[in-house]
Amino acid sequence: MAASIGFYHLTKSGLCQALPTLLSRSLQTKERGLVLCKNDNQLSEITEALWKVIQPIWLPHGCHYSGKQDDFPEWQPIWLTVFEENPNQAAFLFLVGGQNVFQIEQFKRVFDLFDGNDPEAVKAARQRWRNLKEEGHQLTYWKQGDHGWEQGV
């Protein structure tokens, strides 16, 4: 089954500013989120950003990275990891490090966030787009505009 995959081109803010808003919206739809980070440093930056979120008051989450895993991942509405796993049975996958996931079909929706100010990240995102399109997935493109996310062509 083909997955619905949105590419999110970050041009106005960084990942740690954009991701909490998308995660918050996911929780509002009663869906769990899985954030697949590229490494421990990125995961640490994101979890720190989630703890500082003011609106909503709190984004509950747990983590799994080298040498550490929070307890009860199945209870966590948001799970941050550097491993290809889905212990909280998330329906929404957030790719934040340019990863290619081999079981992408298990997710209802996938968010591929990439830094639009990094030419290499843009190039890699274009290649992921081509590969996923060839596999028959439904793709959408979103770019940060002056008033939030704008769907592109």
Protein backbone atom coordinates (compact mmCIF):
# COMPACT_ATOMS: atom_id res chain seq x y z
CA MET A 1 0.00 0.00 0.00
CA ALA A 2 1.33 3.45 -0.93
CA ALA A 3 1.97 5.97 1.82
CA SER A 4 0.96 9.64 1.84
CA ILE A 5 4.22 11.57 2.05
CA GLY A 6 4.59 15.30 2.49
CA PHE A 7 7.89 17.03 1.86
CA TYR A 8 8.31 20.06 4.13
CA HIS A 9 10.83 22.59 2.80
CA LEU A 10 12.12 24.61 5.76
CA THR A 11 13.02 28.12 4.57
CA LYS A 12 11.78 30.49 7.31
CA SER A 13 12.66 28.59 10.49
CA GLY A 14 14.80 25.73 11.64
CA LEU A 15 13.72 22.20 12.39
CA CYS A 16 13.43 22.77 16.14
CA GLN A 17 10.98 25.63 15.54
CA ALA A 18 8.86 23.92 12.84
CA LEU A 19 8.63 20.36 14.17
CA PRO A 20 6.79 21.10 17.45
CA THR A 21 3.95 22.78 15.54
CA LEU A 22 3.55 19.77 13.23
CA LEU A 23 3.69 17.37 16.18
CA SER A 24 1.09 19.42 18.04
CA ARG A 25 -1.26 19.27 15.06
CA SER A 26 -0.76 15.51 14.87
CA LEU A 27 -1.74 15.11 18.51
CA GLN A 28 -4.83 17.26 17.87
CA THR A 29 -5.92 14.67 15.29
CA LYS A 30 -5.44 11.97 17.96
CA GLU A 31 -2.53 10.40 16.07
CA ARG A 32 0.78 9.35 17.57
CA GLY A 33 4.02 10.60 16.10
CA LEU A 34 7.37 8.91 15.55
CA VAL A 35 10.36 11.20 14.92
CA LEU A 36 13.29 9.43 13.24
CA CYS A 37 16.44 11.47 13.88
CA LYS A 38 19.74 11.11 12.05
CA ASN A 39 21.88 10.91 15.22
CA ASP A 40 21.97 11.35 19.00
CA ASN A 41 22.87 15.05 18.77
CA GLN A 42 19.86 15.86 16.61
CA LEU A 43 17.59 13.86 18.92
CA SER A 44 18.91 15.77 21.95
CA GLU A 45 18.30 19.12 20.24
CA ILE A 46 14.74 18.14 19.33
CA THR A 47 13.82 16.78 22.77
CA GLU A 48 15.17 19.97 24.34
CA ALA A 49 13.04 22.02 21.93
CA LEU A 50 9.94 19.96 22.80
CA TRP A 51 10.46 20.62 26.51
CA LYS A 52 10.54 24.38 25.80
CA VAL A 53 7.28 24.47 23.82
CA ILE A 54 4.78 26.95 25.25
CA GLN A 55 1.79 26.31 22.95
CA PRO A 56 0.49 23.73 23.62
CA ILE A 57 1.65 23.76 27.21
CA TRP A 58 3.46 20.44 26.79
CA LEU A 59 4.31 17.91 24.08
CA PRO A 60 4.59 14.55 25.88
CA HIS A 61 7.31 12.37 24.42
CA GLY A 62 9.88 9.69 25.06
CA CYS A 63 13.27 8.94 23.50
CA HIS A 64 15.51 6.11 22.38
CA TYR A 65 19.08 6.80 21.38
CA SER A 66 22.48 5.23 21.87
CA GLY A 67 22.77 4.10 25.46
CA LYS A 68 19.38 5.39 26.64
CA GLN A 69 15.73 4.51 26.25
CA ASP A 70 12.84 5.97 28.20
CA ASP A 71 10.45 3.56 29.88
CA PHE A 72 7.07 2.58 28.48
CA PRO A 73 7.48 3.65 24.83
CA GLU A 74 4.04 2.19 24.07
CA TRP A 75 2.48 4.90 26.26
CA GLN A 76 4.20 7.81 24.51
CA PRO A 77 2.16 9.94 22.07
CA ILE A 78 5.46 11.12 20.53
CA TRP A 79 8.53 8.90 20.29
CA LEU A 80 11.95 10.24 19.22
CA THR A 81 14.49 7.70 18.06
CA VAL A 82 17.63 7.13 16.02
CA PHE A 83 16.56 3.56 15.29
CA GLU A 84 14.11 2.26 12.73
CA GLU A 85 11.39 1.19 15.15
CA ASN A 86 7.81 2.06 16.03
CA PRO A 87 7.27 1.09 19.68
CA ASN A 88 4.43 3.58 20.25
CA GLN A 89 2.53 2.33 17.17
CA ALA A 90 2.61 5.79 15.60
CA ALA A 91 0.57 6.46 12.47
CA PHE A 92 2.60 9.59 11.60
CA LEU A 93 6.32 9.39 10.82
CA PHE A 94 8.53 12.48 10.88
CA LEU A 95 11.81 12.09 8.99
CA VAL A 96 14.21 14.82 10.07
CA GLY A 97 17.60 13.63 8.94
CA GLY A 98 17.10 12.65 5.32
CA GLN A 99 16.59 8.97 6.05
CA ASN A 100 15.14 6.42 3.69
CA VAL A 101 12.81 4.10 5.60
CA PHE A 102 12.28 0.59 4.30
CA GLN A 103 8.82 0.03 5.86
CA ILE A 104 7.25 3.39 5.08
CA GLU A 105 3.92 1.76 4.19
CA GLN A 106 3.16 1.05 7.87
CA PHE A 107 2.47 4.76 8.41
CA LYS A 108 -0.72 6.62 7.54
CA ARG A 109 1.25 9.79 6.87
CA VAL A 110 4.92 10.68 6.51
CA PHE A 111 6.49 14.12 6.96
CA ASP A 112 9.92 14.57 5.35
CA LEU A 113 11.35 17.82 6.75
CA PHE A 114 14.49 19.24 5.13
CA ASP A 115 16.57 22.40 5.41
CA GLY A 116 15.92 24.58 2.37
CA ASN A 117 19.03 26.63 3.12
CA ASP A 118 21.33 23.62 2.72
CA PRO A 119 21.93 22.80 -0.97
CA GLU A 120 22.95 19.22 -0.14
CA ALA A 121 19.78 18.65 1.90
CA VAL A 122 17.66 20.01 -0.97
CA LYS A 123 19.46 17.78 -3.48
CA ALA A 124 18.97 14.71 -1.26
CA ALA A 125 15.26 15.57 -0.77
CA ARG A 126 14.78 15.76 -4.54
CA GLN A 127 16.32 12.32 -4.90
CA ARG A 128 14.07 10.89 -2.16
CA TRP A 129 11.08 12.46 -3.97
CA ARG A 130 12.04 10.77 -7.26
CA ASN A 131 12.56 7.40 -5.57
CA LEU A 132 9.28 7.53 -3.66
CA LYS A 133 7.35 8.68 -6.73
CA GLU A 134 8.73 5.71 -8.69
CA GLU A 135 7.50 3.45 -5.87
CA GLY A 136 3.98 4.83 -6.35
CA HIS A 137 3.56 6.85 -3.17
CA GLN A 138 1.24 9.87 -3.00
CA LEU A 139 3.51 12.92 -2.62
CA THR A 140 2.83 16.52 -1.66
CA TYR A 141 5.20 19.45 -1.35
CA TRP A 142 4.96 22.16 1.31
CA LYS A 143 7.13 25.25 1.65
CA GLN A 144 7.23 27.75 4.49
CA GLY A 145 5.65 31.02 3.40
CA ASP A 146 4.99 34.33 5.10
CA HIS A 147 1.79 32.98 6.67
CA GLY A 148 2.67 29.35 7.37
CA TRP A 149 2.90 26.28 5.17
CA GLU A 150 1.95 26.74 1.51
CA GLN A 151 1.34 23.79 -0.76
CA GLY A 152 3.51 23.85 -3.86
CA VAL A 153 3.30 22.13 -7.19
